[in-house]
Amino acid sequence: MSTLLLTGFYVSLLAVLYIGLSINIIRLRRRFKIGIGSGENELLTKAIRVHGNFSEYVPLAVILLACYEINGASAIMVHAVGSILVLGRVLHSIGLNKTVGVSQQRVFGMLSTFLVILVLSIENIRFFIFN
């Protein structure tokens, strides 16, 4: 029976990052006394988008990672894509918090997220076809 030990590790790291992004929004809401929405506050708008972007991409990547691991992927490959995903999401958060424009961290973060989703999709399709 296969477990999701490695996926669980990476999901846990991502969960800690998610909580940090959430706390940042709460901190800014309290600081600027904005209960809902962004009140057109640029800092809060950025924080909400960083959190939203994370929430939009990470669940799909995690589902793909779990499928990949449970279907018999090598531990090295799970670690490779899991660590790229975590690093990419951290860098994306840093980059978007710096500027709403283009930054190296933001670009690397999104490209690495897309790469992980693409690689995991291809690998899961490959497992389906050849097993």
N, C-alpha and C. Protein backbone atom coordinates (compact mmCIF):
# COMPACT_ATOMS: atom_id res chain seq x y z
N MET A 1 0.85 -1.18 0.00
CA MET A 1 0.00 0.00 0.00
C MET A 1 0.89 1.24 0.00
N SER A 2 0.61 2.15 -0.89
CA SER A 2 1.39 3.37 -1.00
C SER A 2 0.80 4.45 -0.09
N THR A 3 1.68 5.22 0.50
CA THR A 3 1.23 6.34 1.31
C THR A 3 1.60 7.63 0.62
N LEU A 4 1.15 8.70 1.14
CA LEU A 4 1.45 10.01 0.57
C LEU A 4 2.37 10.79 1.51
N LEU A 5 3.35 10.11 2.03
CA LEU A 5 4.27 10.71 2.99
C LEU A 5 4.99 11.92 2.41
N LEU A 6 5.52 11.80 1.21
CA LEU A 6 6.27 12.90 0.61
C LEU A 6 5.35 14.05 0.23
N THR A 7 4.23 13.73 -0.38
CA THR A 7 3.25 14.78 -0.71
C THR A 7 2.80 15.48 0.56
N GLY A 8 2.58 14.72 1.61
CA GLY A 8 2.17 15.31 2.88
C GLY A 8 3.18 16.32 3.39
N PHE A 9 4.46 16.02 3.20
CA PHE A 9 5.52 16.95 3.62
C PHE A 9 5.42 18.26 2.84
N TYR A 10 5.31 18.17 1.52
CA TYR A 10 5.27 19.39 0.70
C TYR A 10 3.96 20.15 0.90
N VAL A 11 2.85 19.45 1.06
CA VAL A 11 1.59 20.12 1.34
C VAL A 11 1.67 20.86 2.67
N SER A 12 2.34 20.27 3.64
CA SER A 12 2.49 20.93 4.94
C SER A 12 3.33 22.20 4.83
N LEU A 13 4.40 22.16 4.06
CA LEU A 13 5.20 23.38 3.84
C LEU A 13 4.35 24.45 3.15
N LEU A 14 3.58 24.04 2.15
CA LEU A 14 2.71 24.98 1.46
C LEU A 14 1.61 25.52 2.38
N ALA A 15 1.13 24.69 3.28
CA ALA A 15 0.11 25.14 4.24
C ALA A 15 0.65 26.22 5.18
N VAL A 16 1.89 26.06 5.59
CA VAL A 16 2.53 27.08 6.44
C VAL A 16 2.63 28.40 5.67
N LEU A 17 3.02 28.32 4.40
CA LEU A 17 3.08 29.53 3.57
C LEU A 17 1.69 30.14 3.42
N TYR A 18 0.68 29.32 3.20
CA TYR A 18 -0.70 29.80 3.07
C TYR A 18 -1.14 30.54 4.31
N ILE A 19 -0.83 30.00 5.46
CA ILE A 19 -1.18 30.67 6.72
C ILE A 19 -0.45 32.02 6.82
N GLY A 20 0.82 32.03 6.44
CA GLY A 20 1.57 33.29 6.46
C GLY A 20 0.94 34.34 5.55
N LEU A 21 0.52 33.94 4.36
CA LEU A 21 -0.14 34.86 3.44
C LEU A 21 -1.47 35.35 4.02
N SER A 22 -2.18 34.47 4.68
CA SER A 22 -3.45 34.84 5.32
C SER A 22 -3.24 35.82 6.46
N ILE A 23 -2.23 35.56 7.27
CA ILE A 23 -1.92 36.45 8.38
C ILE A 23 -1.53 37.84 7.87
N ASN A 24 -0.82 37.88 6.75
CA ASN A 24 -0.45 39.16 6.17
C ASN A 24 -1.70 39.98 5.80
N ILE A 25 -2.70 39.33 5.24
CA ILE A 25 -3.95 40.02 4.90
C ILE A 25 -4.63 40.53 6.16
N ILE A 26 -4.71 39.69 7.17
CA ILE A 26 -5.34 40.08 8.43
C ILE A 26 -4.61 41.28 9.05
N ARG A 27 -3.29 41.23 9.03
CA ARG A 27 -2.48 42.32 9.58
C ARG A 27 -2.79 43.63 8.85
N LEU A 28 -2.85 43.57 7.53
CA LEU A 28 -3.13 44.78 6.75
C LEU A 28 -4.57 45.26 6.95
N ARG A 29 -5.51 44.34 7.06
CA ARG A 29 -6.91 44.73 7.32
C ARG A 29 -7.01 45.48 8.65
N ARG A 30 -6.33 44.99 9.65
CA ARG A 30 -6.35 45.65 10.96
C ARG A 30 -5.66 47.00 10.90
N ARG A 31 -4.51 47.03 10.24
CA ARG A 31 -3.73 48.28 10.14
C ARG A 31 -4.52 49.39 9.45
N PHE A 32 -5.22 49.03 8.37
CA PHE A 32 -5.94 50.04 7.59
C PHE A 32 -7.43 50.08 7.90
N LYS A 33 -7.87 49.26 8.87
CA LYS A 33 -9.28 49.21 9.30
C LYS A 33 -10.23 48.95 8.11
N ILE A 34 -9.90 47.89 7.37
CA ILE A 34 -10.71 47.49 6.22
C ILE A 34 -11.23 46.08 6.49
N GLY A 35 -12.54 45.96 6.68
CA GLY A 35 -13.12 44.68 7.06
C GLY A 35 -13.34 43.72 5.91
N ILE A 36 -13.67 44.24 4.76
CA ILE A 36 -13.95 43.38 3.61
C ILE A 36 -13.46 44.09 2.34
N GLY A 37 -13.07 43.29 1.36
CA GLY A 37 -12.53 43.88 0.14
C GLY A 37 -11.16 44.47 0.41
N SER A 38 -10.74 45.37 -0.47
CA SER A 38 -9.42 45.98 -0.28
C SER A 38 -9.49 47.46 0.04
N GLY A 39 -10.69 48.03 -0.03
CA GLY A 39 -10.82 49.45 0.22
C GLY A 39 -9.94 50.27 -0.72
N GLU A 40 -9.61 49.68 -1.88
CA GLU A 40 -8.72 50.29 -2.87
C GLU A 40 -7.34 50.62 -2.30
N ASN A 41 -6.98 49.93 -1.21
CA ASN A 41 -5.65 50.08 -0.62
C ASN A 41 -4.68 49.20 -1.42
N GLU A 42 -3.63 49.81 -1.95
CA GLU A 42 -2.70 49.10 -2.82
C GLU A 42 -2.00 47.93 -2.11
N LEU A 43 -1.57 48.13 -0.88
CA LEU A 43 -0.89 47.05 -0.15
C LEU A 43 -1.83 45.87 0.11
N LEU A 44 -3.05 46.18 0.52
CA LEU A 44 -4.02 45.11 0.79
C LEU A 44 -4.43 44.41 -0.51
N THR A 45 -4.60 45.17 -1.57
CA THR A 45 -4.94 44.57 -2.86
C THR A 45 -3.85 43.59 -3.29
N LYS A 46 -2.59 43.98 -3.13
CA LYS A 46 -1.47 43.09 -3.49
C LYS A 46 -1.50 41.82 -2.64
N ALA A 47 -1.68 41.99 -1.34
CA ALA A 47 -1.69 40.83 -0.43
C ALA A 47 -2.84 39.88 -0.77
N ILE A 48 -3.99 40.43 -1.11
CA ILE A 48 -5.14 39.60 -1.47
C ILE A 48 -4.84 38.83 -2.76
N ARG A 49 -4.19 39.47 -3.73
CA ARG A 49 -3.86 38.78 -4.98
C ARG A 49 -2.79 37.72 -4.78
N VAL A 50 -1.80 37.98 -3.93
CA VAL A 50 -0.79 36.95 -3.66
C VAL A 50 -1.47 35.71 -3.08
N HIS A 51 -2.34 35.93 -2.12
CA HIS A 51 -3.09 34.85 -1.48
C HIS A 51 -4.00 34.16 -2.49
N GLY A 52 -4.69 34.95 -3.30
CA GLY A 52 -5.60 34.40 -4.29
C GLY A 52 -4.88 33.57 -5.34
N ASN A 53 -3.74 34.08 -5.80
CA ASN A 53 -2.97 33.35 -6.80
C ASN A 53 -2.51 32.01 -6.24
N PHE A 54 -2.04 32.02 -5.00
CA PHE A 54 -1.66 30.78 -4.33
C PHE A 54 -2.84 29.81 -4.30
N SER A 55 -4.01 30.33 -3.90
CA SER A 55 -5.21 29.50 -3.78
C SER A 55 -5.69 28.97 -5.12
N GLU A 56 -5.37 29.66 -6.20
CA GLU A 56 -5.81 29.24 -7.52
C GLU A 56 -4.94 28.13 -8.11
N TYR A 57 -3.66 28.17 -7.86
CA TYR A 57 -2.75 27.23 -8.51
C TYR A 57 -2.31 26.04 -7.65
N VAL A 58 -2.13 26.26 -6.37
CA VAL A 58 -1.56 25.21 -5.52
C VAL A 58 -2.46 23.98 -5.39
N PRO A 59 -3.78 24.11 -5.23
CA PRO A 59 -4.58 22.89 -5.09
C PRO A 59 -4.44 21.91 -6.25
N LEU A 60 -4.45 22.40 -7.47
CA LEU A 60 -4.29 21.52 -8.63
C LEU A 60 -2.92 20.85 -8.61
N ALA A 61 -1.88 21.62 -8.32
CA ALA A 61 -0.53 21.05 -8.26
C ALA A 61 -0.43 19.97 -7.19
N VAL A 62 -1.06 20.20 -6.05
CA VAL A 62 -1.01 19.23 -4.95
C VAL A 62 -1.76 17.95 -5.31
N ILE A 63 -2.91 18.09 -5.96
CA ILE A 63 -3.65 16.90 -6.38
C ILE A 63 -2.81 16.08 -7.37
N LEU A 64 -2.19 16.77 -8.32
CA LEU A 64 -1.34 16.08 -9.29
C LEU A 64 -0.15 15.41 -8.60
N LEU A 65 0.44 16.09 -7.62
CA LEU A 65 1.58 15.52 -6.88
C LEU A 65 1.15 14.28 -6.11
N ALA A 66 -0.01 14.33 -5.48
CA ALA A 66 -0.51 13.16 -4.73
C ALA A 66 -0.77 11.99 -5.66
N CYS A 67 -1.39 12.26 -6.82
CA CYS A 67 -1.63 11.18 -7.80
C CYS A 67 -0.31 10.58 -8.26
N TYR A 68 0.64 11.44 -8.51
CA TYR A 68 1.95 11.00 -8.98
C TYR A 68 2.62 10.09 -7.95
N GLU A 69 2.61 10.51 -6.71
CA GLU A 69 3.26 9.70 -5.67
C GLU A 69 2.53 8.38 -5.46
N ILE A 70 1.24 8.42 -5.37
CA ILE A 70 0.49 7.20 -5.06
C ILE A 70 0.54 6.20 -6.20
N ASN A 71 0.80 6.70 -7.42
CA ASN A 71 0.91 5.80 -8.57
C ASN A 71 2.31 5.23 -8.77
N GLY A 72 3.21 5.53 -7.84
CA GLY A 72 4.51 4.87 -7.86
C GLY A 72 5.68 5.67 -8.37
N ALA A 73 5.58 6.98 -8.33
CA ALA A 73 6.71 7.80 -8.75
C ALA A 73 7.90 7.58 -7.83
N SER A 74 9.08 7.84 -8.36
CA SER A 74 10.28 7.71 -7.52
C SER A 74 10.30 8.86 -6.50
N ALA A 75 10.87 8.56 -5.36
CA ALA A 75 10.98 9.57 -4.30
C ALA A 75 11.76 10.78 -4.77
N ILE A 76 12.79 10.55 -5.57
CA ILE A 76 13.61 11.66 -6.08
C ILE A 76 12.77 12.60 -6.93
N MET A 77 11.93 12.06 -7.78
CA MET A 77 11.08 12.90 -8.63
C MET A 77 10.03 13.64 -7.82
N VAL A 78 9.45 12.99 -6.82
CA VAL A 78 8.46 13.67 -5.97
C VAL A 78 9.14 14.81 -5.23
N HIS A 79 10.34 14.56 -4.70
CA HIS A 79 11.08 15.63 -4.03
C HIS A 79 11.43 16.75 -5.00
N ALA A 80 11.81 16.41 -6.20
CA ALA A 80 12.19 17.43 -7.18
C ALA A 80 11.02 18.35 -7.49
N VAL A 81 9.89 17.78 -7.88
CA VAL A 81 8.75 18.63 -8.24
C VAL A 81 8.14 19.31 -7.02
N GLY A 82 8.14 18.62 -5.88
CA GLY A 82 7.61 19.22 -4.66
C GLY A 82 8.44 20.42 -4.21
N SER A 83 9.75 20.28 -4.25
CA SER A 83 10.61 21.39 -3.82
C SER A 83 10.57 22.54 -4.81
N ILE A 84 10.46 22.24 -6.11
CA ILE A 84 10.33 23.31 -7.11
C ILE A 84 9.02 24.07 -6.89
N LEU A 85 7.96 23.35 -6.59
CA LEU A 85 6.67 24.00 -6.33
C LEU A 85 6.75 24.92 -5.11
N VAL A 86 7.29 24.42 -4.02
CA VAL A 86 7.41 25.25 -2.81
C VAL A 86 8.28 26.47 -3.06
N LEU A 87 9.44 26.26 -3.65
CA LEU A 87 10.33 27.38 -3.95
C LEU A 87 9.66 28.39 -4.88
N GLY A 88 8.99 27.89 -5.89
CA GLY A 88 8.30 28.78 -6.82
C GLY A 88 7.23 29.61 -6.16
N ARG A 89 6.47 29.00 -5.27
CA ARG A 89 5.40 29.75 -4.59
C ARG A 89 5.97 30.78 -3.62
N VAL A 90 7.06 30.44 -2.95
CA VAL A 90 7.72 31.41 -2.06
C VAL A 90 8.23 32.59 -2.89
N LEU A 91 8.93 32.30 -3.97
CA LEU A 91 9.47 33.37 -4.81
C LEU A 91 8.37 34.21 -5.44
N HIS A 92 7.28 33.58 -5.87
CA HIS A 92 6.17 34.34 -6.44
C HIS A 92 5.60 35.31 -5.40
N SER A 93 5.44 34.83 -4.17
CA SER A 93 4.92 35.68 -3.10
C SER A 93 5.84 36.87 -2.84
N ILE A 94 7.13 36.60 -2.80
CA ILE A 94 8.11 37.68 -2.58
C ILE A 94 8.06 38.66 -3.75
N GLY A 95 8.07 38.16 -4.96
CA GLY A 95 8.07 39.02 -6.14
C GLY A 95 6.84 39.89 -6.24
N LEU A 96 5.67 39.32 -5.99
CA LEU A 96 4.44 40.10 -6.10
C LEU A 96 4.30 41.09 -4.95
N ASN A 97 4.86 40.76 -3.80
CA ASN A 97 4.85 41.71 -2.69
C ASN A 97 5.78 42.89 -2.95
N LYS A 98 6.82 42.68 -3.75
CA LYS A 98 7.74 43.77 -4.09
C LYS A 98 7.10 44.76 -5.05
N THR A 99 6.46 44.23 -6.09
CA THR A 99 5.90 45.08 -7.13
C THR A 99 4.76 44.37 -7.82
N VAL A 100 3.78 45.13 -8.31
CA VAL A 100 2.72 44.52 -9.09
C VAL A 100 3.18 44.37 -10.54
N GLY A 101 4.33 44.94 -10.86
CA GLY A 101 4.91 44.78 -12.18
C GLY A 101 5.73 43.51 -12.24
N VAL A 102 6.52 43.41 -13.28
CA VAL A 102 7.34 42.22 -13.50
C VAL A 102 8.53 42.23 -12.54
N SER A 103 8.80 41.08 -11.95
CA SER A 103 10.00 40.90 -11.13
C SER A 103 10.53 39.51 -11.43
N GLN A 104 11.82 39.32 -11.23
CA GLN A 104 12.41 38.01 -11.49
C GLN A 104 11.79 36.93 -10.62
N GLN A 105 11.53 37.26 -9.36
CA GLN A 105 10.94 36.27 -8.46
C GLN A 105 9.54 35.87 -8.90
N ARG A 106 8.77 36.86 -9.30
CA ARG A 106 7.39 36.57 -9.74
C ARG A 106 7.40 35.71 -11.00
N VAL A 107 8.23 36.07 -11.96
CA VAL A 107 8.32 35.30 -13.21
C VAL A 107 8.79 33.88 -12.92
N PHE A 108 9.86 33.74 -12.13
CA PHE A 108 10.35 32.41 -11.81
C PHE A 108 9.29 31.61 -11.05
N GLY A 109 8.59 32.27 -10.14
CA GLY A 109 7.55 31.59 -9.36
C GLY A 109 6.44 31.04 -10.23
N MET A 110 5.97 31.83 -11.18
CA MET A 110 4.89 31.35 -12.05
C MET A 110 5.39 30.30 -13.03
N LEU A 111 6.57 30.54 -13.61
CA LEU A 111 7.11 29.55 -14.55
C LEU A 111 7.34 28.20 -13.87
N SER A 112 7.86 28.24 -12.65
CA SER A 112 8.10 26.98 -11.94
C SER A 112 6.78 26.30 -11.58
N THR A 113 5.77 27.08 -11.22
CA THR A 113 4.46 26.49 -10.93
C THR A 113 3.88 25.84 -12.17
N PHE A 114 3.94 26.56 -13.31
CA PHE A 114 3.45 25.98 -14.57
C PHE A 114 4.24 24.73 -14.95
N LEU A 115 5.55 24.78 -14.77
CA LEU A 115 6.40 23.64 -15.08
C LEU A 115 6.00 22.42 -14.25
N VAL A 116 5.81 22.62 -12.95
CA VAL A 116 5.42 21.51 -12.07
C VAL A 116 4.09 20.93 -12.51
N ILE A 117 3.10 21.79 -12.77
CA ILE A 117 1.79 21.30 -13.19
C ILE A 117 1.90 20.55 -14.52
N LEU A 118 2.67 21.07 -15.45
CA LEU A 118 2.84 20.41 -16.74
C LEU A 118 3.55 19.06 -16.62
N VAL A 119 4.66 19.04 -15.89
CA VAL A 119 5.42 17.79 -15.71
C VAL A 119 4.56 16.74 -15.02
N LEU A 120 3.87 17.14 -13.96
CA LEU A 120 3.02 16.18 -13.24
C LEU A 120 1.87 15.68 -14.11
N SER A 121 1.31 16.57 -14.93
CA SER A 121 0.23 16.15 -15.83
C SER A 121 0.74 15.12 -16.83
N ILE A 122 1.87 15.40 -17.43
CA ILE A 122 2.46 14.47 -18.41
C ILE A 122 2.80 13.14 -17.74
N GLU A 123 3.40 13.19 -16.57
CA GLU A 123 3.77 11.96 -15.87
C GLU A 123 2.55 11.13 -15.48
N ASN A 124 1.50 11.79 -15.01
CA ASN A 124 0.29 11.05 -14.64
C ASN A 124 -0.38 10.45 -15.86
N ILE A 125 -0.37 11.15 -16.98
CA ILE A 125 -0.91 10.59 -18.23
C ILE A 125 -0.05 9.40 -18.67
N ARG A 126 1.26 9.56 -18.56
CA ARG A 126 2.17 8.46 -18.91
C ARG A 126 1.90 7.23 -18.05
N PHE A 127 1.73 7.43 -16.74
CA PHE A 127 1.41 6.29 -15.86
C PHE A 127 0.11 5.61 -16.31
N PHE A 128 -0.89 6.40 -16.68
CA PHE A 128 -2.17 5.85 -17.10
C PHE A 128 -2.02 5.01 -18.37
N ILE A 129 -1.29 5.53 -19.32
CA ILE A 129 -1.15 4.85 -20.62
C ILE A 129 -0.31 3.58 -20.50
N PHE A 130 0.76 3.64 -19.76
CA PHE A 130 1.71 2.52 -19.74
C PHE A 130 1.59 1.57 -18.56
N ASN A 131 0.62 1.76 -17.71
CA ASN A 131 0.42 0.82 -16.58
C ASN A 131 -0.93 0.16 -16.63
